[in-house]
Amino acid sequence: IDSTWEQSKEIYSKSATLQELGVVELPLSEIGEKSQFRLRRGQRAREFCTAETAACLLRAIGETETANEILWLFKIYQDIVFAFKERASLPISREMQMILSEDRRG
C-alpha cells in the first residue's frame, strides 16, 4: 500500500482481501534502522518510504546496483524538493553536484 503509515494501517485493517494476502518481511537492516525520508516528520524507527522499501526488496533479490541507483535518485529528489521549499541557498549534496556538473547539451 503506497500511502502514509497511518493510512496503510487503516486500509489494511478494513480490508479482508489484503489480510488474506499475508505479509512479507523484508531484511530492512540492509538499508539502516531509520528512514532517510526527510520530507515529513514524525516517522518511527523501522518505517520506511516506498523508495527505500523498493531498494530493500531489490537488494534481497540480488539487484544491488539498481537498489543503489534508486536510493541515489531518492536523495537527489529530496534535495530538489527542499531547495524549492526553502527557496534559499541550501547546501547541495554531492549527488546533486554531480548531476548539475554533467554536460546537458546532449
N, C-alpha and C. Protein backbone atom coordinates (compact mmCIF):
# COMPACT_ATOMS: atom_id res chain seq x y z
N ILE A 1 0.86 -1.17 0.00
CA ILE A 1 0.00 0.00 0.00
C ILE A 1 0.90 1.22 0.00
N ASP A 2 0.77 2.05 -1.01
CA ASP A 2 1.58 3.26 -1.10
C ASP A 2 0.79 4.43 -0.53
N SER A 3 1.05 4.71 0.73
CA SER A 3 0.36 5.80 1.44
C SER A 3 1.16 6.07 2.71
N THR A 4 0.64 6.94 3.56
CA THR A 4 1.33 7.14 4.84
C THR A 4 1.17 5.88 5.67
N TRP A 5 1.99 5.75 6.70
CA TRP A 5 1.90 4.57 7.56
C TRP A 5 0.53 4.48 8.22
N GLU A 6 0.02 5.59 8.70
CA GLU A 6 -1.30 5.59 9.35
C GLU A 6 -2.40 5.20 8.37
N GLN A 7 -2.34 5.74 7.16
CA GLN A 7 -3.34 5.39 6.15
C GLN A 7 -3.25 3.90 5.79
N SER A 8 -2.03 3.41 5.65
CA SER A 8 -1.83 2.00 5.29
C SER A 8 -2.40 1.07 6.36
N LYS A 9 -2.15 1.39 7.62
CA LYS A 9 -2.67 0.56 8.71
C LYS A 9 -4.19 0.54 8.69
N GLU A 10 -4.81 1.69 8.44
CA GLU A 10 -6.27 1.77 8.40
C GLU A 10 -6.82 0.98 7.22
N ILE A 11 -6.22 1.16 6.04
CA ILE A 11 -6.67 0.44 4.85
C ILE A 11 -6.54 -1.06 5.07
N TYR A 12 -5.40 -1.49 5.59
CA TYR A 12 -5.15 -2.91 5.83
C TYR A 12 -6.15 -3.49 6.83
N SER A 13 -6.41 -2.75 7.90
CA SER A 13 -7.32 -3.26 8.94
C SER A 13 -8.76 -3.39 8.44
N LYS A 14 -9.13 -2.62 7.43
CA LYS A 14 -10.50 -2.65 6.91
C LYS A 14 -10.68 -3.58 5.71
N SER A 15 -9.61 -4.17 5.24
CA SER A 15 -9.68 -4.99 4.04
C SER A 15 -9.37 -6.46 4.32
N ALA A 16 -10.40 -7.28 4.27
CA ALA A 16 -10.21 -8.73 4.45
C ALA A 16 -9.35 -9.30 3.33
N THR A 17 -9.50 -8.76 2.13
CA THR A 17 -8.72 -9.23 0.98
C THR A 17 -7.23 -9.02 1.21
N LEU A 18 -6.85 -7.84 1.67
CA LEU A 18 -5.43 -7.58 1.94
C LEU A 18 -4.92 -8.46 3.07
N GLN A 19 -5.71 -8.67 4.09
CA GLN A 19 -5.28 -9.50 5.21
C GLN A 19 -5.08 -10.95 4.78
N GLU A 20 -5.84 -11.42 3.80
CA GLU A 20 -5.68 -12.79 3.29
C GLU A 20 -4.38 -12.97 2.51
N LEU A 21 -3.84 -11.88 1.96
CA LEU A 21 -2.62 -11.98 1.17
C LEU A 21 -1.39 -12.30 2.01
N GLY A 22 -1.44 -11.96 3.28
CA GLY A 22 -0.29 -12.19 4.13
C GLY A 22 0.68 -11.03 4.10
N VAL A 23 1.74 -11.17 4.84
CA VAL A 23 2.72 -10.11 4.98
C VAL A 23 4.09 -10.67 4.66
N VAL A 24 4.88 -9.89 3.95
CA VAL A 24 6.26 -10.27 3.65
C VAL A 24 7.16 -9.37 4.47
N GLU A 25 8.07 -9.96 5.20
CA GLU A 25 9.01 -9.16 5.98
C GLU A 25 10.32 -9.04 5.21
N LEU A 26 10.70 -7.81 4.93
CA LEU A 26 11.92 -7.55 4.19
C LEU A 26 13.10 -7.37 5.14
N PRO A 27 14.31 -7.70 4.67
CA PRO A 27 15.50 -7.50 5.51
C PRO A 27 15.90 -6.02 5.54
N LEU A 28 15.10 -5.21 6.22
CA LEU A 28 15.31 -3.75 6.22
C LEU A 28 16.62 -3.34 6.86
N SER A 29 17.25 -4.23 7.61
CA SER A 29 18.53 -3.87 8.22
C SER A 29 19.58 -3.51 7.17
N GLU A 30 19.36 -3.96 5.94
CA GLU A 30 20.30 -3.64 4.86
C GLU A 30 20.30 -2.16 4.50
N ILE A 31 19.23 -1.45 4.82
CA ILE A 31 19.18 -0.02 4.50
C ILE A 31 19.20 0.85 5.74
N GLY A 32 19.37 0.25 6.90
CA GLY A 32 19.50 1.03 8.12
C GLY A 32 18.31 0.88 9.05
N GLU A 33 18.43 1.46 10.21
CA GLU A 33 17.39 1.38 11.22
C GLU A 33 16.38 2.51 11.11
N LYS A 34 16.77 3.59 10.45
CA LYS A 34 15.90 4.77 10.37
C LYS A 34 15.79 5.23 8.93
N SER A 35 14.60 5.61 8.56
CA SER A 35 14.35 6.11 7.21
C SER A 35 15.15 7.37 6.94
N GLN A 36 15.57 7.53 5.70
CA GLN A 36 16.26 8.74 5.28
C GLN A 36 15.29 9.76 4.68
N PHE A 37 14.01 9.44 4.73
CA PHE A 37 12.98 10.33 4.19
C PHE A 37 12.87 11.57 5.06
N ARG A 38 13.15 12.73 4.47
CA ARG A 38 13.22 13.97 5.24
C ARG A 38 12.05 14.91 4.97
N LEU A 39 11.14 14.54 4.10
CA LEU A 39 10.09 15.47 3.70
C LEU A 39 8.92 15.51 4.69
N ARG A 40 8.80 14.52 5.53
CA ARG A 40 7.79 14.53 6.59
C ARG A 40 8.46 14.22 7.90
N ARG A 41 7.87 14.70 8.96
CA ARG A 41 8.41 14.43 10.30
C ARG A 41 7.59 13.36 10.99
N GLY A 42 8.11 12.91 12.10
CA GLY A 42 7.36 12.02 12.97
C GLY A 42 7.40 10.56 12.60
N GLN A 43 8.34 10.17 11.76
CA GLN A 43 8.43 8.76 11.44
C GLN A 43 9.02 7.99 12.61
N ARG A 44 8.52 6.81 12.78
CA ARG A 44 9.06 5.94 13.82
C ARG A 44 10.19 5.09 13.23
N ALA A 45 10.95 4.51 14.13
CA ALA A 45 12.02 3.62 13.67
C ALA A 45 11.41 2.47 12.87
N ARG A 46 12.11 2.06 11.84
CA ARG A 46 11.74 0.93 11.00
C ARG A 46 10.49 1.17 10.16
N GLU A 47 10.15 2.43 9.94
CA GLU A 47 9.09 2.77 8.99
C GLU A 47 9.77 3.47 7.83
N PHE A 48 9.74 2.83 6.67
CA PHE A 48 10.46 3.32 5.51
C PHE A 48 9.51 3.76 4.42
N CYS A 49 9.97 4.66 3.58
CA CYS A 49 9.14 5.13 2.47
C CYS A 49 9.18 4.09 1.33
N THR A 50 8.38 4.33 0.33
CA THR A 50 8.26 3.40 -0.79
C THR A 50 9.59 3.17 -1.51
N ALA A 51 10.34 4.24 -1.77
CA ALA A 51 11.62 4.10 -2.47
C ALA A 51 12.59 3.24 -1.67
N GLU A 52 12.65 3.46 -0.37
CA GLU A 52 13.56 2.68 0.48
C GLU A 52 13.14 1.21 0.53
N THR A 53 11.84 0.98 0.60
CA THR A 53 11.34 -0.39 0.64
C THR A 53 11.62 -1.10 -0.68
N ALA A 54 11.43 -0.40 -1.80
CA ALA A 54 11.73 -0.99 -3.10
C ALA A 54 13.22 -1.33 -3.21
N ALA A 55 14.07 -0.44 -2.73
CA ALA A 55 15.52 -0.70 -2.75
C ALA A 55 15.86 -1.93 -1.91
N CYS A 56 15.23 -2.05 -0.77
CA CYS A 56 15.47 -3.21 0.09
C CYS A 56 15.05 -4.50 -0.61
N LEU A 57 13.90 -4.48 -1.25
CA LEU A 57 13.42 -5.66 -1.98
C LEU A 57 14.37 -6.01 -3.12
N LEU A 58 14.83 -5.01 -3.84
CA LEU A 58 15.77 -5.26 -4.94
C LEU A 58 17.08 -5.85 -4.43
N ARG A 59 17.57 -5.36 -3.31
CA ARG A 59 18.80 -5.94 -2.74
C ARG A 59 18.57 -7.39 -2.33
N ALA A 60 17.39 -7.67 -1.79
CA ALA A 60 17.08 -9.04 -1.34
C ALA A 60 17.09 -10.03 -2.49
N ILE A 61 16.80 -9.56 -3.71
CA ILE A 61 16.81 -10.47 -4.87
C ILE A 61 18.08 -10.32 -5.71
N GLY A 62 19.08 -9.63 -5.15
CA GLY A 62 20.38 -9.55 -5.80
C GLY A 62 20.56 -8.38 -6.76
N GLU A 63 19.63 -7.47 -6.81
CA GLU A 63 19.72 -6.31 -7.72
C GLU A 63 20.30 -5.11 -6.97
N THR A 64 21.52 -5.28 -6.45
CA THR A 64 22.14 -4.26 -5.61
C THR A 64 22.39 -2.95 -6.37
N GLU A 65 22.86 -3.05 -7.60
CA GLU A 65 23.15 -1.84 -8.37
C GLU A 65 21.89 -1.01 -8.59
N THR A 66 20.81 -1.68 -8.95
CA THR A 66 19.53 -0.98 -9.15
C THR A 66 19.04 -0.37 -7.85
N ALA A 67 19.18 -1.10 -6.75
CA ALA A 67 18.78 -0.59 -5.44
C ALA A 67 19.56 0.66 -5.08
N ASN A 68 20.86 0.63 -5.31
CA ASN A 68 21.70 1.79 -5.01
C ASN A 68 21.30 2.99 -5.86
N GLU A 69 20.96 2.73 -7.12
CA GLU A 69 20.55 3.82 -8.01
C GLU A 69 19.24 4.45 -7.51
N ILE A 70 18.30 3.63 -7.08
CA ILE A 70 17.04 4.16 -6.55
C ILE A 70 17.31 5.04 -5.33
N LEU A 71 18.16 4.59 -4.43
CA LEU A 71 18.46 5.38 -3.23
C LEU A 71 19.19 6.67 -3.59
N TRP A 72 20.05 6.61 -4.59
CA TRP A 72 20.78 7.80 -5.05
C TRP A 72 19.79 8.82 -5.62
N LEU A 73 18.87 8.36 -6.48
CA LEU A 73 17.87 9.25 -7.06
C LEU A 73 16.91 9.78 -5.99
N PHE A 74 16.61 8.97 -5.01
CA PHE A 74 15.76 9.37 -3.89
C PHE A 74 16.39 10.53 -3.12
N LYS A 75 17.70 10.46 -2.91
CA LYS A 75 18.42 11.54 -2.22
C LYS A 75 18.36 12.82 -3.05
N ILE A 76 18.57 12.71 -4.34
CA ILE A 76 18.53 13.88 -5.22
C ILE A 76 17.12 14.49 -5.22
N TYR A 77 16.11 13.64 -5.32
CA TYR A 77 14.72 14.11 -5.29
C TYR A 77 14.46 14.96 -4.04
N GLN A 78 14.89 14.46 -2.90
CA GLN A 78 14.68 15.21 -1.65
C GLN A 78 15.43 16.54 -1.66
N ASP A 79 16.65 16.53 -2.19
CA ASP A 79 17.42 17.78 -2.28
C ASP A 79 16.67 18.82 -3.12
N ILE A 80 16.11 18.37 -4.24
CA ILE A 80 15.38 19.29 -5.12
C ILE A 80 14.14 19.83 -4.42
N VAL A 81 13.39 18.96 -3.79
CA VAL A 81 12.17 19.40 -3.09
C VAL A 81 12.52 20.41 -2.01
N PHE A 82 13.55 20.11 -1.22
CA PHE A 82 13.96 21.06 -0.17
C PHE A 82 14.40 22.39 -0.74
N ALA A 83 15.12 22.36 -1.84
CA ALA A 83 15.59 23.60 -2.45
C ALA A 83 14.41 24.47 -2.87
N PHE A 84 13.39 23.86 -3.46
CA PHE A 84 12.22 24.64 -3.87
C PHE A 84 11.39 25.08 -2.67
N LYS A 85 11.28 24.21 -1.66
CA LYS A 85 10.51 24.58 -0.47
C LYS A 85 11.14 25.74 0.28
N GLU A 86 12.40 25.67 0.44
CA GLU A 86 13.11 26.68 1.23
C GLU A 86 13.41 27.95 0.45
N ARG A 87 13.52 27.81 -0.88
CA ARG A 87 13.86 28.95 -1.74
C ARG A 87 15.05 29.73 -1.18
N ALA A 88 15.97 29.00 -0.67
CA ALA A 88 17.18 29.60 -0.10
C ALA A 88 18.36 28.79 -0.60
N SER A 89 19.53 29.32 -0.39
CA SER A 89 20.70 28.56 -0.82
C SER A 89 21.04 27.54 0.26
N LEU A 90 20.63 26.34 0.01
CA LEU A 90 20.90 25.22 0.91
C LEU A 90 22.16 24.52 0.44
N PRO A 91 22.82 23.83 1.33
CA PRO A 91 23.97 23.04 0.87
C PRO A 91 23.49 22.00 -0.14
N ILE A 92 24.20 21.90 -1.23
CA ILE A 92 23.84 20.93 -2.27
C ILE A 92 24.63 19.65 -2.03
N SER A 93 23.92 18.54 -2.06
CA SER A 93 24.57 17.26 -1.82
C SER A 93 25.57 16.94 -2.92
N ARG A 94 26.47 16.02 -2.62
CA ARG A 94 27.45 15.57 -3.60
C ARG A 94 26.75 15.00 -4.83
N GLU A 95 25.66 14.27 -4.61
CA GLU A 95 24.91 13.68 -5.71
C GLU A 95 24.34 14.75 -6.63
N MET A 96 23.77 15.79 -6.03
CA MET A 96 23.19 16.87 -6.82
C MET A 96 24.28 17.62 -7.57
N GLN A 97 25.43 17.83 -6.96
CA GLN A 97 26.54 18.50 -7.63
C GLN A 97 26.97 17.72 -8.87
N MET A 98 26.95 16.38 -8.75
CA MET A 98 27.32 15.54 -9.90
C MET A 98 26.36 15.75 -11.06
N ILE A 99 25.07 15.81 -10.75
CA ILE A 99 24.07 16.00 -11.81
C ILE A 99 24.21 17.38 -12.43
N LEU A 100 24.39 18.39 -11.61
CA LEU A 100 24.49 19.75 -12.11
C LEU A 100 25.75 19.96 -12.95
N SER A 101 26.79 19.18 -12.69
CA SER A 101 28.04 19.36 -13.42
C SER A 101 28.06 18.58 -14.74
N GLU A 102 27.10 17.69 -14.98
CA GLU A 102 27.07 16.92 -16.21
C GLU A 102 26.77 17.82 -17.39
N ASP A 103 27.35 17.49 -18.54
CA ASP A 103 27.09 18.22 -19.77
C ASP A 103 25.71 17.83 -20.27
N ARG A 104 24.80 18.77 -20.32
CA ARG A 104 23.40 18.50 -20.70
C ARG A 104 23.09 18.85 -22.16
N ARG A 105 24.10 19.12 -22.95
CA ARG A 105 23.85 19.52 -24.34
C ARG A 105 23.46 18.36 -25.22
N GLY A 106 23.58 17.15 -24.71
CA GLY A 106 23.06 16.02 -25.39
C GLY A 106 23.89 15.28 -26.32
